[in-house]
Structures are given as C-alpha cells and as structure tokens.
Amino acid sequence: MRLYVSDAIRDITDGVVELQEAVLDRLGLGRPRRSPVGRRLLDITALLGRVAQDPVLAGHVRDEMRRLARRCARALGETESVVRVTGRCPWCDSVSLRAFPERRALLCVNPACRCTDPGCDCVGDPAFRHLWPESAWRELIRAGGTTAADIAAGMADGDAPASVEAVRRDGGRR
C-alpha cells in the first residue's frame, strides 16, 4: 500500500471541496451540494468567468489549482525535468535560467527576480518566477540572456525535441 497516494487523494479532495466552498461564498452563491470531486471541478470551471472579475478570488483559484495539480503529479510520479541553461537572466543578471522541456518554457529561478511587466505574475506575487514561453525565447535572446543553442541544448537535455532554428528565426543570435 502506498500511503502517500492515499494522502494525496485526501488532500486533493479536501482542497477541491474547500476551493468550491470559497468560490461560492465569495460569489454569494451559498453552500455547494454534496458531489464527487469531478463534478465540483466542473462547477468551479463553469464559474471561471465570474471568478476572473474578482482579482483576489482569481489569484486564489489559480494558486490552489496549481498546488493541487503539482500534488497530483507528484503522487503519479510525473515530475518535470529541470535543466540549467547557460546565460544570465536579463532582469536580475543571475545565472538562474532553467529550461522546463515539457512546458517548452524557460524560467528564472531566482526568488528575488522581478521583471518590469505589470501584467506578469512575478511582479505582484513572490511565489511566481518570470517565465519565457517558447514564443518569447527570441526576446530573451535579444536581451542577451542566453543563446539559441543554449536553449536548444536545455530542451534536448530534457528529452524534448531541440529546435534551434525555430529560435533563430526572426533574428535570434547564434
């Protein structure tokens, strides 16, 4: 018997129930009916339009769903590989760039790093780090953070297909 799986199921179930209660309470919709976790998640999903109108509630829902997803992934043994990428973060100048091949994203793991984009999660929430999705890699390269070859190597180290040419298009440096 794997007790960590049982603990994860209980934690996720309790988390979903509490999240639904918080959402309904904040939106003034009363208490939820008894229902399975899957139904509760569908009910929360149906309310996301209203949740998005309340920044505090939206942040809470986002944070809790990310926590629950990470807990579920750990219990299933699905951990994402993290690969160090040569170069420096253009925002904090530390050697803290990491590749997340499964997400096709780069992240600055320096907890003190904050960018200047007011819409970025790293600005207003200390739990978040600046992230460059694949569509922003050229911007990172132009800012002098790293090279296309280093990004491709980081992605390849995580068994993701390397795509140096995709990064080099539109003026990425070699």
N, C-alpha and C. Protein backbone atom coordinates (compact mmCIF):
# COMPACT_ATOMS: atom_id res chain seq x y z
N MET A 1 0.85 -1.18 0.00
CA MET A 1 0.00 0.00 0.00
C MET A 1 0.89 1.24 0.00
N ARG A 2 0.55 2.19 -0.84
CA ARG A 2 1.30 3.43 -0.92
C ARG A 2 0.52 4.53 -0.21
N LEU A 3 0.93 4.82 1.01
CA LEU A 3 0.20 5.79 1.82
C LEU A 3 0.28 7.20 1.25
N TYR A 4 1.36 7.54 0.56
CA TYR A 4 1.49 8.89 0.00
C TYR A 4 0.40 9.14 -1.06
N VAL A 5 -0.03 8.07 -1.75
CA VAL A 5 -1.10 8.23 -2.73
C VAL A 5 -2.42 8.49 -2.01
N SER A 6 -2.66 7.72 -0.94
CA SER A 6 -3.87 7.93 -0.15
C SER A 6 -3.91 9.35 0.43
N ASP A 7 -2.75 9.80 0.94
CA ASP A 7 -2.67 11.16 1.48
C ASP A 7 -2.93 12.20 0.39
N ALA A 8 -2.40 11.96 -0.81
CA ALA A 8 -2.59 12.89 -1.91
C ALA A 8 -4.06 12.95 -2.32
N ILE A 9 -4.71 11.80 -2.39
CA ILE A 9 -6.14 11.77 -2.75
C ILE A 9 -6.95 12.56 -1.73
N ARG A 10 -6.68 12.34 -0.45
CA ARG A 10 -7.40 13.07 0.59
C ARG A 10 -7.14 14.57 0.51
N ASP A 11 -5.86 14.95 0.33
CA ASP A 11 -5.50 16.36 0.23
C ASP A 11 -6.17 17.02 -0.98
N ILE A 12 -6.16 16.35 -2.12
CA ILE A 12 -6.76 16.91 -3.33
C ILE A 12 -8.27 17.01 -3.17
N THR A 13 -8.88 15.98 -2.63
CA THR A 13 -10.33 16.01 -2.40
C THR A 13 -10.71 17.15 -1.47
N ASP A 14 -10.01 17.24 -0.34
CA ASP A 14 -10.29 18.32 0.61
C ASP A 14 -10.05 19.69 -0.02
N GLY A 15 -8.97 19.79 -0.81
CA GLY A 15 -8.65 21.06 -1.46
C GLY A 15 -9.72 21.49 -2.45
N VAL A 16 -10.25 20.56 -3.22
CA VAL A 16 -11.29 20.89 -4.19
C VAL A 16 -12.57 21.30 -3.47
N VAL A 17 -12.93 20.58 -2.42
CA VAL A 17 -14.14 20.92 -1.65
C VAL A 17 -13.99 22.32 -1.06
N GLU A 18 -12.85 22.59 -0.44
CA GLU A 18 -12.64 23.90 0.18
C GLU A 18 -12.59 25.01 -0.87
N LEU A 19 -12.00 24.73 -2.01
CA LEU A 19 -11.94 25.73 -3.08
C LEU A 19 -13.34 26.05 -3.59
N GLN A 20 -14.15 25.03 -3.81
CA GLN A 20 -15.52 25.28 -4.27
C GLN A 20 -16.30 26.08 -3.24
N GLU A 21 -16.13 25.74 -1.97
CA GLU A 21 -16.82 26.49 -0.92
C GLU A 21 -16.37 27.95 -0.93
N ALA A 22 -15.08 28.19 -1.09
CA ALA A 22 -14.55 29.57 -1.11
C ALA A 22 -15.09 30.35 -2.30
N VAL A 23 -15.12 29.71 -3.47
CA VAL A 23 -15.62 30.37 -4.68
C VAL A 23 -17.09 30.73 -4.52
N LEU A 24 -17.89 29.77 -4.09
CA LEU A 24 -19.32 30.03 -3.95
C LEU A 24 -19.59 31.09 -2.89
N ASP A 25 -18.84 31.03 -1.78
CA ASP A 25 -19.02 32.01 -0.73
C ASP A 25 -18.67 33.41 -1.22
N ARG A 26 -17.53 33.54 -1.90
CA ARG A 26 -17.08 34.85 -2.38
C ARG A 26 -18.05 35.43 -3.42
N LEU A 27 -18.66 34.54 -4.22
CA LEU A 27 -19.60 34.99 -5.24
C LEU A 27 -21.03 35.11 -4.70
N GLY A 28 -21.22 34.79 -3.43
CA GLY A 28 -22.54 34.89 -2.81
C GLY A 28 -23.54 33.86 -3.32
N LEU A 29 -23.06 32.67 -3.61
CA LEU A 29 -23.93 31.64 -4.19
C LEU A 29 -24.30 30.53 -3.21
N GLY A 30 -24.04 30.75 -1.93
CA GLY A 30 -24.43 29.75 -0.92
C GLY A 30 -23.43 28.61 -0.82
N ARG A 31 -23.91 27.53 -0.21
CA ARG A 31 -23.05 26.36 0.01
C ARG A 31 -23.22 25.35 -1.12
N PRO A 32 -22.16 24.64 -1.44
CA PRO A 32 -22.26 23.64 -2.52
C PRO A 32 -23.00 22.39 -2.06
N ARG A 33 -23.59 21.71 -3.02
CA ARG A 33 -24.21 20.42 -2.74
C ARG A 33 -23.11 19.37 -2.63
N ARG A 34 -23.46 18.26 -1.98
CA ARG A 34 -22.53 17.13 -1.95
C ARG A 34 -22.42 16.57 -3.36
N SER A 35 -21.20 16.37 -3.81
CA SER A 35 -20.99 15.79 -5.13
C SER A 35 -19.56 15.30 -5.23
N PRO A 36 -19.29 14.42 -6.20
CA PRO A 36 -17.91 13.94 -6.37
C PRO A 36 -16.98 15.06 -6.82
N VAL A 37 -15.68 14.83 -6.65
CA VAL A 37 -14.67 15.83 -6.98
C VAL A 37 -14.77 16.28 -8.44
N GLY A 38 -14.98 15.33 -9.34
CA GLY A 38 -15.08 15.69 -10.76
C GLY A 38 -16.21 16.67 -11.03
N ARG A 39 -17.34 16.46 -10.40
CA ARG A 39 -18.48 17.37 -10.57
C ARG A 39 -18.16 18.74 -9.98
N ARG A 40 -17.49 18.74 -8.82
CA ARG A 40 -17.12 20.00 -8.18
C ARG A 40 -16.19 20.81 -9.08
N LEU A 41 -15.23 20.12 -9.71
CA LEU A 41 -14.32 20.81 -10.62
C LEU A 41 -15.06 21.40 -11.81
N LEU A 42 -16.03 20.66 -12.33
CA LEU A 42 -16.84 21.18 -13.44
C LEU A 42 -17.64 22.41 -13.00
N ASP A 43 -18.15 22.37 -11.77
CA ASP A 43 -18.91 23.52 -11.25
C ASP A 43 -18.02 24.75 -11.11
N ILE A 44 -16.78 24.54 -10.62
CA ILE A 44 -15.84 25.65 -10.50
C ILE A 44 -15.51 26.20 -11.89
N THR A 45 -15.28 25.30 -12.83
CA THR A 45 -14.95 25.70 -14.20
C THR A 45 -16.07 26.56 -14.80
N ALA A 46 -17.30 26.19 -14.53
CA ALA A 46 -18.43 26.93 -15.07
C ALA A 46 -18.50 28.36 -14.52
N LEU A 47 -17.87 28.59 -13.38
CA LEU A 47 -17.90 29.91 -12.75
C LEU A 47 -16.65 30.76 -13.04
N LEU A 48 -15.73 30.26 -13.84
CA LEU A 48 -14.47 30.97 -14.05
C LEU A 48 -14.64 32.36 -14.64
N GLY A 49 -15.65 32.57 -15.45
CA GLY A 49 -15.91 33.91 -15.98
C GLY A 49 -16.17 34.91 -14.85
N ARG A 50 -16.97 34.50 -13.89
CA ARG A 50 -17.25 35.38 -12.74
C ARG A 50 -16.05 35.48 -11.81
N VAL A 51 -15.32 34.37 -11.66
CA VAL A 51 -14.13 34.38 -10.81
C VAL A 51 -13.11 35.38 -11.35
N ALA A 52 -12.95 35.43 -12.67
CA ALA A 52 -11.97 36.32 -13.29
C ALA A 52 -12.26 37.80 -13.01
N GLN A 53 -13.48 38.13 -12.70
CA GLN A 53 -13.84 39.52 -12.41
C GLN A 53 -13.40 39.97 -11.02
N ASP A 54 -13.00 39.02 -10.18
CA ASP A 54 -12.53 39.32 -8.83
C ASP A 54 -11.05 38.93 -8.75
N PRO A 55 -10.13 39.90 -8.85
CA PRO A 55 -8.70 39.57 -8.90
C PRO A 55 -8.21 38.77 -7.69
N VAL A 56 -8.71 39.04 -6.53
CA VAL A 56 -8.28 38.31 -5.34
C VAL A 56 -8.73 36.85 -5.43
N LEU A 57 -9.98 36.64 -5.79
CA LEU A 57 -10.51 35.28 -5.94
C LEU A 57 -9.81 34.56 -7.08
N ALA A 58 -9.59 35.24 -8.20
CA ALA A 58 -8.92 34.61 -9.34
C ALA A 58 -7.50 34.16 -8.96
N GLY A 59 -6.80 34.98 -8.22
CA GLY A 59 -5.45 34.61 -7.76
C GLY A 59 -5.49 33.41 -6.84
N HIS A 60 -6.47 33.39 -5.95
CA HIS A 60 -6.61 32.26 -5.03
C HIS A 60 -6.92 30.97 -5.79
N VAL A 61 -7.84 31.03 -6.73
CA VAL A 61 -8.20 29.86 -7.52
C VAL A 61 -6.99 29.38 -8.32
N ARG A 62 -6.29 30.29 -8.97
CA ARG A 62 -5.10 29.92 -9.74
C ARG A 62 -4.06 29.24 -8.86
N ASP A 63 -3.75 29.84 -7.72
CA ASP A 63 -2.74 29.28 -6.82
C ASP A 63 -3.15 27.90 -6.31
N GLU A 64 -4.39 27.76 -5.91
CA GLU A 64 -4.85 26.49 -5.36
C GLU A 64 -4.89 25.40 -6.43
N MET A 65 -5.32 25.74 -7.63
CA MET A 65 -5.35 24.74 -8.70
C MET A 65 -3.94 24.30 -9.07
N ARG A 66 -3.00 25.23 -9.08
CA ARG A 66 -1.61 24.86 -9.36
C ARG A 66 -1.06 23.95 -8.27
N ARG A 67 -1.38 24.26 -7.02
CA ARG A 67 -0.91 23.43 -5.91
C ARG A 67 -1.49 22.02 -6.02
N LEU A 68 -2.78 21.93 -6.30
CA LEU A 68 -3.42 20.63 -6.42
C LEU A 68 -2.86 19.84 -7.62
N ALA A 69 -2.60 20.52 -8.71
CA ALA A 69 -2.05 19.84 -9.89
C ALA A 69 -0.64 19.31 -9.59
N ARG A 70 0.17 20.11 -8.88
CA ARG A 70 1.51 19.64 -8.52
C ARG A 70 1.43 18.44 -7.59
N ARG A 71 0.51 18.49 -6.64
CA ARG A 71 0.35 17.37 -5.69
C ARG A 71 -0.06 16.11 -6.43
N CYS A 72 -0.97 16.23 -7.36
CA CYS A 72 -1.42 15.10 -8.16
C CYS A 72 -0.27 14.55 -9.00
N ALA A 73 0.48 15.41 -9.64
CA ALA A 73 1.60 14.98 -10.48
C ALA A 73 2.65 14.24 -9.66
N ARG A 74 2.94 14.74 -8.46
CA ARG A 74 3.91 14.06 -7.60
C ARG A 74 3.43 12.67 -7.22
N ALA A 75 2.16 12.56 -6.88
CA ALA A 75 1.61 11.25 -6.48
C ALA A 75 1.64 10.26 -7.64
N LEU A 76 1.50 10.77 -8.85
CA LEU A 76 1.52 9.90 -10.03
C LEU A 76 2.95 9.65 -10.53
N GLY A 77 3.91 10.30 -9.89
CA GLY A 77 5.30 10.12 -10.31
C GLY A 77 5.65 10.91 -11.54
N GLU A 78 4.86 11.91 -11.87
CA GLU A 78 5.09 12.71 -13.06
C GLU A 78 5.77 14.02 -12.69
N THR A 79 7.07 13.96 -12.50
CA THR A 79 7.80 15.18 -12.20
C THR A 79 8.47 15.68 -13.48
N GLU A 80 8.44 16.95 -13.67
CA GLU A 80 9.04 17.55 -14.86
C GLU A 80 10.53 17.77 -14.64
N SER A 81 11.30 17.43 -15.65
CA SER A 81 12.73 17.66 -15.54
C SER A 81 13.02 19.15 -15.65
N VAL A 82 14.08 19.57 -14.96
CA VAL A 82 14.52 20.95 -14.97
C VAL A 82 15.99 20.93 -15.37
N VAL A 83 16.35 21.75 -16.35
CA VAL A 83 17.71 21.75 -16.89
C VAL A 83 18.28 23.16 -16.81
N ARG A 84 19.50 23.27 -16.25
CA ARG A 84 20.17 24.56 -16.18
C ARG A 84 20.53 25.02 -17.59
N VAL A 85 20.30 26.29 -17.87
CA VAL A 85 20.63 26.87 -19.17
C VAL A 85 21.75 27.89 -18.97
N THR A 86 22.76 27.81 -19.81
CA THR A 86 23.87 28.76 -19.74
C THR A 86 23.35 30.16 -20.08
N GLY A 87 23.79 31.12 -19.34
CA GLY A 87 23.39 32.51 -19.57
C GLY A 87 22.92 33.16 -18.29
N ARG A 88 22.50 34.40 -18.42
CA ARG A 88 22.05 35.18 -17.27
C ARG A 88 20.66 35.74 -17.52
N CYS A 89 19.89 35.82 -16.48
CA CYS A 89 18.56 36.42 -16.58
C CYS A 89 18.73 37.91 -16.89
N PRO A 90 18.04 38.41 -17.92
CA PRO A 90 18.19 39.83 -18.24
C PRO A 90 17.57 40.76 -17.19
N TRP A 91 16.73 40.24 -16.32
CA TRP A 91 16.10 41.08 -15.30
C TRP A 91 16.95 41.20 -14.04
N CYS A 92 17.53 40.08 -13.59
CA CYS A 92 18.25 40.11 -12.31
C CYS A 92 19.75 39.84 -12.47
N ASP A 93 20.19 39.50 -13.67
CA ASP A 93 21.58 39.26 -14.01
C ASP A 93 22.19 38.07 -13.26
N SER A 94 21.36 37.17 -12.74
CA SER A 94 21.91 35.99 -12.08
C SER A 94 21.93 34.81 -13.05
N VAL A 95 22.73 33.81 -12.74
CA VAL A 95 22.82 32.62 -13.58
C VAL A 95 21.74 31.63 -13.12
N SER A 96 20.51 32.04 -13.30
CA SER A 96 19.38 31.29 -12.73
C SER A 96 18.37 30.86 -13.79
N LEU A 97 18.76 30.80 -15.06
CA LEU A 97 17.84 30.37 -16.10
C LEU A 97 17.74 28.86 -16.11
N ARG A 98 16.51 28.35 -16.14
CA ARG A 98 16.28 26.92 -16.20
C ARG A 98 15.29 26.61 -17.31
N ALA A 99 15.52 25.49 -17.98
CA ALA A 99 14.62 25.03 -19.03
C ALA A 99 13.66 24.00 -18.45
N PHE A 100 12.41 24.11 -18.83
CA PHE A 100 11.37 23.15 -18.48
C PHE A 100 10.89 22.56 -19.81
N PRO A 101 11.55 21.50 -20.26
CA PRO A 101 11.30 20.97 -21.60
C PRO A 101 9.84 20.56 -21.86
N GLU A 102 9.18 19.99 -20.91
CA GLU A 102 7.80 19.55 -21.14
C GLU A 102 6.87 20.73 -21.40
N ARG A 103 7.13 21.84 -20.74
CA ARG A 103 6.33 23.05 -20.93
C ARG A 103 6.84 23.89 -22.08
N ARG A 104 8.03 23.54 -22.60
CA ARG A 104 8.69 24.35 -23.62
C ARG A 104 8.80 25.80 -23.12
N ALA A 105 9.37 25.94 -21.92
CA ALA A 105 9.47 27.26 -21.30
C ALA A 105 10.81 27.39 -20.58
N LEU A 106 11.24 28.63 -20.43
CA LEU A 106 12.40 28.97 -19.62
C LEU A 106 11.93 29.79 -18.44
N LEU A 107 12.62 29.63 -17.31
CA LEU A 107 12.20 30.29 -16.09
C LEU A 107 13.42 30.80 -15.36
N CYS A 108 13.31 31.96 -14.75
CA CYS A 108 14.35 32.45 -13.86
C CYS A 108 13.98 31.96 -12.46
N VAL A 109 14.84 31.16 -11.85
CA VAL A 109 14.50 30.57 -10.55
C VAL A 109 14.97 31.42 -9.37
N ASN A 110 15.52 32.58 -9.64
CA ASN A 110 15.96 33.48 -8.57
C ASN A 110 14.72 34.05 -7.87
N PRO A 111 14.54 33.76 -6.58
CA PRO A 111 13.34 34.24 -5.88
C PRO A 111 13.23 35.77 -5.80
N ALA A 112 14.34 36.46 -5.94
CA ALA A 112 14.32 37.92 -5.87
C ALA A 112 14.06 38.58 -7.21
N CYS A 113 14.05 37.82 -8.28
CA CYS A 113 13.91 38.38 -9.63
C CYS A 113 12.49 38.88 -9.87
N ARG A 114 12.40 40.08 -10.41
CA ARG A 114 11.12 40.67 -10.80
C ARG A 114 11.33 41.42 -12.10
N CYS A 115 10.43 41.24 -13.05
CA CYS A 115 10.55 41.97 -14.32
C CYS A 115 9.79 43.29 -14.22
N THR A 116 9.70 44.01 -15.32
CA THR A 116 9.04 45.31 -15.31
C THR A 116 7.65 45.27 -15.95
N ASP A 117 7.20 44.10 -16.36
CA ASP A 117 5.88 43.97 -16.98
C ASP A 117 4.81 43.89 -15.89
N PRO A 118 3.95 44.92 -15.76
CA PRO A 118 2.95 44.91 -14.68
C PRO A 118 1.95 43.76 -14.79
N GLY A 119 1.84 43.14 -15.96
CA GLY A 119 0.91 42.03 -16.12
C GLY A 119 1.52 40.67 -15.80
N CYS A 120 2.80 40.64 -15.49
CA CYS A 120 3.48 39.38 -15.21
C CYS A 120 3.24 38.96 -13.76
N ASP A 121 3.01 37.69 -13.56
CA ASP A 121 2.77 37.16 -12.22
C ASP A 121 3.95 37.38 -11.28
N CYS A 122 5.18 37.45 -11.83
CA CYS A 122 6.34 37.59 -10.95
C CYS A 122 6.38 38.96 -10.27
N VAL A 123 5.70 39.95 -10.81
CA VAL A 123 5.73 41.30 -10.25
C VAL A 123 4.95 41.38 -8.95
N GLY A 124 3.76 40.83 -8.94
CA GLY A 124 2.89 41.01 -7.79
C GLY A 124 2.83 39.86 -6.82
N ASP A 125 3.45 38.72 -7.13
CA ASP A 125 3.32 37.56 -6.27
C ASP A 125 4.69 36.92 -6.08
N PRO A 126 5.23 36.95 -4.86
CA PRO A 126 6.56 36.40 -4.62
C PRO A 126 6.66 34.89 -4.87
N ALA A 127 5.55 34.20 -4.99
CA ALA A 127 5.58 32.76 -5.24
C ALA A 127 5.87 32.44 -6.71
N PHE A 128 5.79 33.43 -7.59
CA PHE A 128 5.96 33.19 -9.02
C PHE A 128 7.29 33.72 -9.50
N ARG A 129 7.79 33.10 -10.55
CA ARG A 129 9.04 33.48 -11.18
C ARG A 129 8.76 33.90 -12.61
N HIS A 130 9.63 34.72 -13.17
CA HIS A 130 9.44 35.17 -14.55
C HIS A 130 9.62 33.98 -15.48
N LEU A 131 8.73 33.85 -16.43
CA LEU A 131 8.73 32.72 -17.35
C LEU A 131 8.71 33.21 -18.79
N TRP A 132 9.53 32.58 -19.62
CA TRP A 132 9.53 32.86 -21.06
C TRP A 132 8.98 31.63 -21.76
N PRO A 133 7.75 31.71 -22.27
CA PRO A 133 7.26 30.59 -23.08
C PRO A 133 8.03 30.56 -24.40
N GLU A 134 7.87 29.50 -25.15
CA GLU A 134 8.63 29.35 -26.40
C GLU A 134 8.46 30.57 -27.31
N SER A 135 7.30 31.17 -27.30
CA SER A 135 7.05 32.34 -28.16
C SER A 135 7.88 33.56 -27.74
N ALA A 136 8.46 33.56 -26.55
CA ALA A 136 9.25 34.71 -26.07
C ALA A 136 10.75 34.42 -26.03
N TRP A 137 11.19 33.28 -26.54
CA TRP A 137 12.61 32.97 -26.49
C TRP A 137 13.44 33.96 -27.28
N ARG A 138 12.95 34.40 -28.42
CA ARG A 138 13.72 35.37 -29.22
C ARG A 138 13.93 36.66 -28.43
N GLU A 139 12.91 37.06 -27.70
CA GLU A 139 13.01 38.26 -26.85
C GLU A 139 14.11 38.07 -25.80
N LEU A 140 14.16 36.90 -25.18
CA LEU A 140 15.19 36.60 -24.18
C LEU A 140 16.58 36.63 -24.82
N ILE A 141 16.71 36.07 -25.99
CA ILE A 141 18.00 36.06 -26.70
C ILE A 141 18.42 37.48 -27.05
N ARG A 142 17.49 38.31 -27.56
CA ARG A 142 17.80 39.70 -27.90
C ARG A 142 18.21 40.49 -26.66
N ALA A 143 17.65 40.14 -25.51
CA ALA A 143 18.00 40.84 -24.27
C ALA A 143 19.37 40.40 -23.75
N GLY A 144 19.97 39.42 -24.41
CA GLY A 144 21.31 38.99 -24.03
C GLY A 144 21.34 37.95 -22.93
N GLY A 145 20.21 37.34 -22.64
CA GLY A 145 20.16 36.36 -21.56
C GLY A 145 20.86 35.06 -21.88
N THR A 146 20.69 34.57 -23.10
CA THR A 146 21.26 33.29 -23.48
C THR A 146 21.30 33.21 -25.00
N THR A 147 21.64 32.06 -25.53
CA THR A 147 21.70 31.88 -26.98
C THR A 147 20.70 30.82 -27.41
N ALA A 148 20.40 30.80 -28.69
CA ALA A 148 19.50 29.80 -29.24
C ALA A 148 20.06 28.40 -29.03
N ALA A 149 21.36 28.25 -29.18
CA ALA A 149 21.99 26.94 -29.00
C ALA A 149 21.86 26.46 -27.55
N ASP A 150 22.03 27.39 -26.59
CA ASP A 150 21.89 27.00 -25.18
C ASP A 150 20.46 26.61 -24.84
N ILE A 151 19.51 27.31 -25.40
CA ILE A 151 18.10 26.96 -25.17
C ILE A 151 17.82 25.58 -25.76
N ALA A 152 18.26 25.37 -26.98
CA ALA A 152 18.03 24.08 -27.63
C ALA A 152 18.69 22.95 -26.84
N ALA A 153 19.90 23.20 -26.32
CA ALA A 153 20.58 22.19 -25.52
C ALA A 153 19.80 21.88 -24.24
N GLY A 154 19.27 22.91 -23.61
CA GLY A 154 18.47 22.70 -22.40
C GLY A 154 17.22 21.90 -22.68
N MET A 155 16.59 22.19 -23.79
CA MET A 155 15.38 21.46 -24.16
C MET A 155 15.72 20.01 -24.52
N ALA A 156 16.85 19.82 -25.19
CA ALA A 156 17.26 18.46 -25.58
C ALA A 156 17.66 17.64 -24.37
N ASP A 157 18.28 18.26 -23.36
CA ASP A 157 18.66 17.53 -22.15
C ASP A 157 17.45 16.96 -21.44
N GLY A 158 16.31 17.59 -21.63
CA GLY A 158 15.10 17.09 -21.01
C GLY A 158 14.32 16.16 -21.92
N ASP A 159 14.97 15.66 -22.98
CA ASP A 159 14.36 14.75 -23.95
C ASP A 159 13.26 15.39 -24.78
N ALA A 160 13.23 16.72 -24.83
CA ALA A 160 12.27 17.40 -25.71
C ALA A 160 12.99 17.67 -27.03
N PRO A 161 12.27 17.73 -28.12
CA PRO A 161 12.94 17.99 -29.39
C PRO A 161 13.59 19.37 -29.41
N ALA A 162 14.83 19.40 -29.82
CA ALA A 162 15.53 20.67 -29.91
C ALA A 162 15.07 21.40 -31.15
N SER A 163 14.95 22.72 -31.06
CA SER A 163 14.52 23.48 -32.22
C SER A 163 15.29 24.79 -32.31
N VAL A 164 16.59 24.69 -32.50
CA VAL A 164 17.43 25.88 -32.59
C VAL A 164 16.93 26.78 -33.70
N GLU A 165 16.60 26.20 -34.85
CA GLU A 165 16.18 27.01 -35.99
C GLU A 165 14.91 27.80 -35.68
N ALA A 166 14.00 27.22 -34.92
CA ALA A 166 12.79 27.94 -34.57
C ALA A 166 13.10 29.16 -33.73
N VAL A 167 14.12 29.06 -32.88
CA VAL A 167 14.51 30.19 -32.05
C VAL A 167 15.29 31.21 -32.86
N ARG A 168 16.12 30.75 -33.80
CA ARG A 168 16.94 31.65 -34.61
C ARG A 168 16.14 32.48 -35.59
N ARG A 169 14.99 32.00 -36.02
CA ARG A 169 14.19 32.77 -36.98
C ARG A 169 13.92 34.16 -36.39
N ASP A 170 13.76 35.11 -37.20
CA ASP A 170 13.48 36.49 -36.81
C ASP A 170 14.62 37.12 -36.01
N GLY A 171 15.86 36.76 -36.33
CA GLY A 171 16.98 37.49 -35.79
C GLY A 171 17.57 36.99 -34.50
N GLY A 172 17.22 35.82 -34.02
CA GLY A 172 17.86 35.31 -32.81
C GLY A 172 19.35 35.13 -33.06
N ARG A 173 20.17 35.42 -32.08
CA ARG A 173 21.62 35.32 -32.29
C ARG A 173 22.11 33.89 -32.15
N ARG A 174 23.23 33.60 -32.74
CA ARG A 174 23.79 32.23 -32.68
C ARG A 174 24.64 32.06 -31.46
